[in-house]
Amino acid sequence: MTLDTTKNTDKEYIVLCPVDGKPAPWVENKEKYGRNFGKSYMCYYCKEHDTYVGCHNNTRVPLGSMAGEELRKARMAVHAKIDPMWKSGRLRRGEVYRIITLKLGYVYHTGESDLETCNKILAMEIAYE
């Protein structure tokens, strides 16, 4: 699994659309939603293929890799499964990600996951009691 970003010499990120491989423009998320959402409203968005990724604190640093509708839904399902584990206070967030990382055999981050990885997480038994 590779992250679809590269950093050029101008300290700006080039984020590629996963459908056509072209650089996605860095825009306000109102381009996608019609109005800005959240404190961090900057994103990379390929309107033609409806793929996007948000950015850290309105910087050009992407939160993960660009995703289309199917992958976004899969990532949301993963969060719906794993977030209650740390939000309940039974585990720290880092512990949940460490457990998943150990089971997968590589460092795990939901925002960088492809559909196959999301499906593995959704099928995975994650004990936290």
N, C-alpha and C. Protein backbone atom coordinates (compact mmCIF):
# COMPACT_ATOMS: atom_id res chain seq x y z
N MET A 1 0.85 -1.17 0.00
CA MET A 1 0.00 0.00 0.00
C MET A 1 0.89 1.23 0.00
N THR A 2 0.62 2.16 -0.88
CA THR A 2 1.41 3.37 -0.93
C THR A 2 0.52 4.59 -0.82
N LEU A 3 1.05 5.61 -0.20
CA LEU A 3 0.35 6.88 -0.10
C LEU A 3 0.51 7.60 -1.42
N ASP A 4 -0.55 8.22 -1.91
CA ASP A 4 -0.52 8.83 -3.22
C ASP A 4 -0.06 10.29 -3.17
N THR A 5 0.89 10.59 -2.30
CA THR A 5 1.39 11.95 -2.22
C THR A 5 2.90 11.95 -2.40
N THR A 6 3.37 13.01 -2.98
CA THR A 6 4.81 13.24 -3.04
C THR A 6 5.02 14.69 -2.65
N LYS A 7 6.17 14.99 -2.16
CA LYS A 7 6.46 16.35 -1.75
C LYS A 7 7.47 16.93 -2.73
N ASN A 8 7.14 18.08 -3.32
CA ASN A 8 8.09 18.67 -4.25
C ASN A 8 9.00 19.66 -3.53
N THR A 9 9.91 20.25 -4.24
CA THR A 9 10.91 21.11 -3.62
C THR A 9 10.33 22.41 -3.08
N ASP A 10 9.13 22.79 -3.49
CA ASP A 10 8.49 24.01 -3.01
C ASP A 10 7.72 23.78 -1.71
N LYS A 11 7.90 22.62 -1.10
CA LYS A 11 7.24 22.24 0.15
C LYS A 11 5.72 22.21 0.00
N GLU A 12 5.25 21.90 -1.19
CA GLU A 12 3.84 21.70 -1.43
C GLU A 12 3.65 20.24 -1.79
N TYR A 13 2.50 19.72 -1.47
CA TYR A 13 2.22 18.33 -1.78
C TYR A 13 1.58 18.23 -3.16
N ILE A 14 1.90 17.17 -3.84
CA ILE A 14 1.21 16.82 -5.08
C ILE A 14 0.40 15.58 -4.75
N VAL A 15 -0.89 15.73 -4.76
CA VAL A 15 -1.79 14.63 -4.42
C VAL A 15 -2.48 14.19 -5.70
N LEU A 16 -2.38 12.92 -5.98
CA LEU A 16 -2.88 12.40 -7.25
C LEU A 16 -4.24 11.75 -7.11
N CYS A 17 -5.10 12.01 -8.08
CA CYS A 17 -6.40 11.33 -8.14
C CYS A 17 -6.13 9.85 -8.38
N PRO A 18 -6.75 8.98 -7.59
CA PRO A 18 -6.51 7.54 -7.78
C PRO A 18 -7.15 6.98 -9.05
N VAL A 19 -8.03 7.74 -9.67
CA VAL A 19 -8.69 7.25 -10.89
C VAL A 19 -7.85 7.53 -12.13
N ASP A 20 -7.39 8.77 -12.29
CA ASP A 20 -6.65 9.10 -13.51
C ASP A 20 -5.18 9.46 -13.28
N GLY A 21 -4.75 9.52 -12.01
CA GLY A 21 -3.36 9.79 -11.70
C GLY A 21 -2.92 11.23 -11.89
N LYS A 22 -3.87 12.12 -12.14
CA LYS A 22 -3.54 13.53 -12.32
C LYS A 22 -3.54 14.24 -10.97
N PRO A 23 -2.74 15.31 -10.85
CA PRO A 23 -2.75 16.07 -9.59
C PRO A 23 -4.13 16.66 -9.31
N ALA A 24 -4.55 16.54 -8.07
CA ALA A 24 -5.84 17.09 -7.65
C ALA A 24 -5.62 18.50 -7.12
N PRO A 25 -6.51 19.43 -7.46
CA PRO A 25 -6.35 20.79 -6.94
C PRO A 25 -6.58 20.86 -5.43
N TRP A 26 -5.88 21.78 -4.78
CA TRP A 26 -6.05 22.05 -3.35
C TRP A 26 -7.09 23.15 -3.26
N VAL A 27 -8.23 22.85 -2.65
CA VAL A 27 -9.37 23.77 -2.65
C VAL A 27 -10.05 23.77 -1.28
N GLU A 28 -10.94 24.72 -1.08
CA GLU A 28 -11.81 24.69 0.10
C GLU A 28 -12.86 23.62 -0.12
N ASN A 29 -13.27 22.95 0.98
CA ASN A 29 -14.21 21.84 0.81
C ASN A 29 -15.60 22.28 0.37
N LYS A 30 -15.84 23.58 0.28
CA LYS A 30 -17.12 24.05 -0.28
C LYS A 30 -17.24 23.67 -1.75
N GLU A 31 -16.09 23.38 -2.40
CA GLU A 31 -16.14 22.89 -3.78
C GLU A 31 -16.86 21.55 -3.86
N LYS A 32 -16.77 20.77 -2.81
CA LYS A 32 -17.44 19.46 -2.75
C LYS A 32 -18.84 19.58 -2.15
N TYR A 33 -18.96 20.35 -1.05
CA TYR A 33 -20.20 20.37 -0.27
C TYR A 33 -21.10 21.58 -0.48
N GLY A 34 -20.60 22.60 -1.18
CA GLY A 34 -21.41 23.80 -1.36
C GLY A 34 -21.16 24.86 -0.30
N ARG A 35 -20.58 24.47 0.81
CA ARG A 35 -20.16 25.40 1.88
C ARG A 35 -19.03 24.73 2.64
N ASN A 36 -18.25 25.53 3.34
CA ASN A 36 -17.13 24.96 4.10
C ASN A 36 -17.63 24.25 5.35
N PHE A 37 -17.03 23.12 5.64
CA PHE A 37 -17.33 22.34 6.84
C PHE A 37 -16.08 22.25 7.69
N GLY A 38 -16.26 22.41 8.99
CA GLY A 38 -15.19 22.17 9.95
C GLY A 38 -14.18 23.30 10.04
N LYS A 39 -13.33 23.18 11.06
CA LYS A 39 -12.25 24.16 11.24
C LYS A 39 -11.21 24.02 10.14
N SER A 40 -10.94 22.78 9.76
CA SER A 40 -9.97 22.51 8.70
C SER A 40 -10.76 22.20 7.44
N TYR A 41 -10.92 23.19 6.59
CA TYR A 41 -11.81 23.05 5.43
C TYR A 41 -11.07 22.92 4.10
N MET A 42 -9.75 22.85 4.14
CA MET A 42 -8.99 22.68 2.89
C MET A 42 -8.87 21.19 2.55
N CYS A 43 -8.90 20.89 1.26
CA CYS A 43 -8.79 19.51 0.81
C CYS A 43 -8.24 19.47 -0.60
N TYR A 44 -7.87 18.27 -1.01
CA TYR A 44 -7.54 18.02 -2.40
C TYR A 44 -8.78 17.34 -2.99
N TYR A 45 -9.26 17.86 -4.11
CA TYR A 45 -10.52 17.39 -4.65
C TYR A 45 -10.48 17.28 -6.17
N CYS A 46 -10.74 16.09 -6.66
CA CYS A 46 -10.89 15.88 -8.09
C CYS A 46 -12.39 15.82 -8.37
N LYS A 47 -12.92 16.91 -8.85
CA LYS A 47 -14.36 17.00 -9.11
C LYS A 47 -14.81 15.99 -10.16
N GLU A 48 -13.99 15.79 -11.18
CA GLU A 48 -14.35 14.88 -12.27
C GLU A 48 -14.63 13.46 -11.77
N HIS A 49 -13.85 13.00 -10.79
CA HIS A 49 -14.00 11.62 -10.29
C HIS A 49 -14.54 11.55 -8.87
N ASP A 50 -14.89 12.68 -8.29
CA ASP A 50 -15.42 12.76 -6.93
C ASP A 50 -14.52 12.04 -5.92
N THR A 51 -13.23 12.29 -6.03
CA THR A 51 -12.28 11.76 -5.06
C THR A 51 -11.68 12.94 -4.29
N TYR A 52 -11.45 12.74 -3.01
CA TYR A 52 -10.87 13.82 -2.23
C TYR A 52 -10.23 13.30 -0.95
N VAL A 53 -9.45 14.20 -0.33
CA VAL A 53 -8.86 13.94 0.98
C VAL A 53 -8.74 15.28 1.68
N GLY A 54 -9.09 15.30 2.95
CA GLY A 54 -8.96 16.51 3.75
C GLY A 54 -7.50 16.76 4.12
N CYS A 55 -7.27 17.93 4.71
CA CYS A 55 -5.91 18.33 5.08
C CYS A 55 -5.83 18.67 6.57
N HIS A 56 -4.64 18.49 7.13
CA HIS A 56 -4.37 18.83 8.52
C HIS A 56 -4.43 20.35 8.70
N ASN A 57 -5.30 20.82 9.56
CA ASN A 57 -5.34 22.22 10.00
C ASN A 57 -5.16 23.24 8.88
N ASN A 58 -5.86 23.06 7.79
CA ASN A 58 -5.83 23.97 6.65
C ASN A 58 -4.45 24.14 6.01
N THR A 59 -3.59 23.17 6.25
CA THR A 59 -2.30 23.15 5.56
C THR A 59 -2.48 22.36 4.27
N ARG A 60 -1.41 22.16 3.56
CA ARG A 60 -1.45 21.32 2.36
C ARG A 60 -1.13 19.86 2.68
N VAL A 61 -0.97 19.54 3.95
CA VAL A 61 -0.63 18.18 4.36
C VAL A 61 -1.90 17.32 4.39
N PRO A 62 -2.00 16.32 3.50
CA PRO A 62 -3.20 15.49 3.45
C PRO A 62 -3.34 14.59 4.68
N LEU A 63 -4.59 14.32 5.04
CA LEU A 63 -4.89 13.44 6.17
C LEU A 63 -4.67 11.97 5.84
N GLY A 64 -4.56 11.65 4.59
CA GLY A 64 -4.37 10.27 4.14
C GLY A 64 -4.29 10.26 2.64
N SER A 65 -4.92 9.28 2.02
CA SER A 65 -4.93 9.21 0.56
C SER A 65 -6.32 9.57 0.05
N MET A 66 -6.37 9.99 -1.20
CA MET A 66 -7.65 10.35 -1.80
C MET A 66 -8.53 9.12 -1.90
N ALA A 67 -9.84 9.35 -1.81
CA ALA A 67 -10.77 8.23 -1.84
C ALA A 67 -12.04 8.62 -2.58
N GLY A 68 -12.57 7.65 -3.31
CA GLY A 68 -13.88 7.79 -3.93
C GLY A 68 -14.95 7.33 -2.96
N GLU A 69 -16.19 7.32 -3.41
CA GLU A 69 -17.32 7.01 -2.52
C GLU A 69 -17.21 5.65 -1.85
N GLU A 70 -16.88 4.61 -2.60
CA GLU A 70 -16.82 3.26 -2.03
C GLU A 70 -15.78 3.18 -0.92
N LEU A 71 -14.61 3.72 -1.15
CA LEU A 71 -13.55 3.67 -0.14
C LEU A 71 -13.89 4.57 1.05
N ARG A 72 -14.50 5.72 0.81
CA ARG A 72 -14.91 6.58 1.93
C ARG A 72 -15.89 5.86 2.83
N LYS A 73 -16.86 5.18 2.23
CA LYS A 73 -17.84 4.42 3.02
C LYS A 73 -17.17 3.30 3.82
N ALA A 74 -16.21 2.63 3.21
CA ALA A 74 -15.49 1.56 3.91
C ALA A 74 -14.69 2.13 5.08
N ARG A 75 -14.03 3.26 4.88
CA ARG A 75 -13.26 3.89 5.97
C ARG A 75 -14.18 4.35 7.09
N MET A 76 -15.37 4.87 6.74
CA MET A 76 -16.32 5.26 7.78
C MET A 76 -16.80 4.04 8.57
N ALA A 77 -16.99 2.92 7.88
CA ALA A 77 -17.40 1.69 8.57
C ALA A 77 -16.30 1.22 9.52
N VAL A 78 -15.04 1.35 9.10
CA VAL A 78 -13.92 0.99 9.98
C VAL A 78 -13.95 1.87 11.22
N HIS A 79 -14.11 3.17 11.03
CA HIS A 79 -14.17 4.06 12.19
C HIS A 79 -15.35 3.72 13.10
N ALA A 80 -16.48 3.37 12.52
CA ALA A 80 -17.64 2.99 13.33
C ALA A 80 -17.34 1.74 14.16
N LYS A 81 -16.47 0.88 13.66
CA LYS A 81 -16.10 -0.33 14.40
C LYS A 81 -15.05 -0.04 15.47
N ILE A 82 -13.99 0.70 15.11
CA ILE A 82 -12.86 0.81 16.05
C ILE A 82 -12.94 2.01 16.99
N ASP A 83 -13.61 3.08 16.60
CA ASP A 83 -13.63 4.27 17.46
C ASP A 83 -14.29 4.03 18.82
N PRO A 84 -15.36 3.25 18.91
CA PRO A 84 -15.94 2.99 20.24
C PRO A 84 -14.97 2.30 21.20
N MET A 85 -13.98 1.60 20.67
CA MET A 85 -13.01 0.92 21.51
C MET A 85 -12.18 1.91 22.32
N TRP A 86 -11.82 3.04 21.72
CA TRP A 86 -11.04 4.02 22.47
C TRP A 86 -11.92 5.11 23.06
N LYS A 87 -13.04 5.40 22.43
CA LYS A 87 -13.94 6.43 22.98
C LYS A 87 -14.60 5.96 24.27
N SER A 88 -14.70 4.64 24.45
CA SER A 88 -15.29 4.09 25.68
C SER A 88 -14.34 4.26 26.87
N GLY A 89 -13.07 4.51 26.58
CA GLY A 89 -12.08 4.64 27.64
C GLY A 89 -11.42 3.32 28.02
N ARG A 90 -11.85 2.22 27.43
CA ARG A 90 -11.26 0.92 27.75
C ARG A 90 -9.83 0.81 27.23
N LEU A 91 -9.57 1.42 26.10
CA LEU A 91 -8.23 1.45 25.52
C LEU A 91 -7.93 2.88 25.08
N ARG A 92 -6.65 3.17 24.99
CA ARG A 92 -6.27 4.45 24.39
C ARG A 92 -6.32 4.27 22.87
N ARG A 93 -6.47 5.36 22.18
CA ARG A 93 -6.57 5.31 20.72
C ARG A 93 -5.32 4.63 20.13
N GLY A 94 -4.15 5.00 20.62
CA GLY A 94 -2.92 4.41 20.12
C GLY A 94 -2.87 2.91 20.31
N GLU A 95 -3.47 2.42 21.40
CA GLU A 95 -3.48 0.98 21.65
C GLU A 95 -4.33 0.25 20.60
N VAL A 96 -5.45 0.85 20.23
CA VAL A 96 -6.31 0.23 19.21
C VAL A 96 -5.54 0.11 17.89
N TYR A 97 -4.87 1.20 17.51
CA TYR A 97 -4.11 1.17 16.27
C TYR A 97 -2.91 0.23 16.37
N ARG A 98 -2.32 0.10 17.54
CA ARG A 98 -1.20 -0.83 17.72
C ARG A 98 -1.68 -2.27 17.55
N ILE A 99 -2.83 -2.61 18.11
CA ILE A 99 -3.39 -3.96 17.96
C ILE A 99 -3.62 -4.27 16.49
N ILE A 100 -4.22 -3.33 15.78
CA ILE A 100 -4.49 -3.54 14.36
C ILE A 100 -3.18 -3.67 13.58
N THR A 101 -2.22 -2.82 13.89
CA THR A 101 -0.91 -2.87 13.24
C THR A 101 -0.26 -4.24 13.43
N LEU A 102 -0.31 -4.76 14.65
CA LEU A 102 0.28 -6.07 14.92
C LEU A 102 -0.43 -7.18 14.15
N LYS A 103 -1.75 -7.10 14.06
CA LYS A 103 -2.50 -8.13 13.34
C LYS A 103 -2.26 -8.07 11.84
N LEU A 104 -2.09 -6.85 11.31
CA LEU A 104 -1.86 -6.70 9.87
C LEU A 104 -0.41 -6.96 9.47
N GLY A 105 0.51 -6.64 10.38
CA GLY A 105 1.92 -6.80 10.08
C GLY A 105 2.56 -5.58 9.45
N TYR A 106 1.85 -4.47 9.44
CA TYR A 106 2.39 -3.19 8.95
C TYR A 106 1.65 -2.05 9.66
N VAL A 107 2.26 -0.88 9.66
CA VAL A 107 1.69 0.27 10.36
C VAL A 107 0.36 0.65 9.72
N TYR A 108 -0.66 0.73 10.54
CA TYR A 108 -2.01 0.97 10.07
C TYR A 108 -2.46 2.40 10.34
N HIS A 109 -3.11 2.98 9.35
CA HIS A 109 -3.77 4.28 9.48
C HIS A 109 -5.01 4.23 8.60
N THR A 110 -6.17 4.49 9.16
CA THR A 110 -7.41 4.38 8.41
C THR A 110 -7.40 5.25 7.16
N GLY A 111 -6.92 6.48 7.28
CA GLY A 111 -6.93 7.41 6.16
C GLY A 111 -6.02 7.02 5.01
N GLU A 112 -5.16 6.05 5.22
CA GLU A 112 -4.27 5.57 4.16
C GLU A 112 -4.66 4.18 3.67
N SER A 113 -5.74 3.66 4.21
CA SER A 113 -6.15 2.29 3.88
C SER A 113 -6.86 2.20 2.55
N ASP A 114 -6.59 1.10 1.84
CA ASP A 114 -7.33 0.82 0.62
C ASP A 114 -8.54 -0.06 0.99
N LEU A 115 -9.34 -0.38 0.00
CA LEU A 115 -10.56 -1.16 0.25
C LEU A 115 -10.26 -2.53 0.84
N GLU A 116 -9.21 -3.18 0.35
CA GLU A 116 -8.84 -4.50 0.86
C GLU A 116 -8.49 -4.43 2.36
N THR A 117 -7.72 -3.43 2.74
CA THR A 117 -7.35 -3.28 4.15
C THR A 117 -8.59 -2.99 5.00
N CYS A 118 -9.46 -2.13 4.52
CA CYS A 118 -10.68 -1.84 5.27
C CYS A 118 -11.49 -3.10 5.49
N ASN A 119 -11.61 -3.92 4.45
CA ASN A 119 -12.36 -5.17 4.59
C ASN A 119 -11.71 -6.11 5.59
N LYS A 120 -10.37 -6.14 5.64
CA LYS A 120 -9.67 -6.96 6.63
C LYS A 120 -10.00 -6.48 8.05
N ILE A 121 -10.00 -5.17 8.24
CA ILE A 121 -10.30 -4.61 9.57
C ILE A 121 -11.74 -4.93 9.95
N LEU A 122 -12.65 -4.79 9.01
CA LEU A 122 -14.05 -5.06 9.30
C LEU A 122 -14.30 -6.52 9.67
N ALA A 123 -13.50 -7.42 9.11
CA ALA A 123 -13.63 -8.85 9.41
C ALA A 123 -12.81 -9.27 10.63
N MET A 124 -11.92 -8.42 11.09
CA MET A 124 -10.97 -8.74 12.15
C MET A 124 -11.65 -8.78 13.53
N GLU A 125 -11.26 -9.77 14.31
CA GLU A 125 -11.65 -9.82 15.72
C GLU A 125 -10.66 -8.97 16.50
N ILE A 126 -11.15 -7.96 17.17
CA ILE A 126 -10.29 -7.08 17.95
C ILE A 126 -10.81 -7.09 19.39
N ALA A 127 -10.15 -7.86 20.23
CA ALA A 127 -10.56 -7.95 21.63
C ALA A 127 -10.05 -6.74 22.40
N TYR A 128 -10.94 -6.14 23.18
CA TYR A 128 -10.50 -4.97 23.97
C TYR A 128 -11.10 -4.96 25.36
N GLU A 129 -11.53 -6.08 25.84
CA GLU A 129 -12.09 -6.13 27.19
C GLU A 129 -11.03 -6.49 28.21
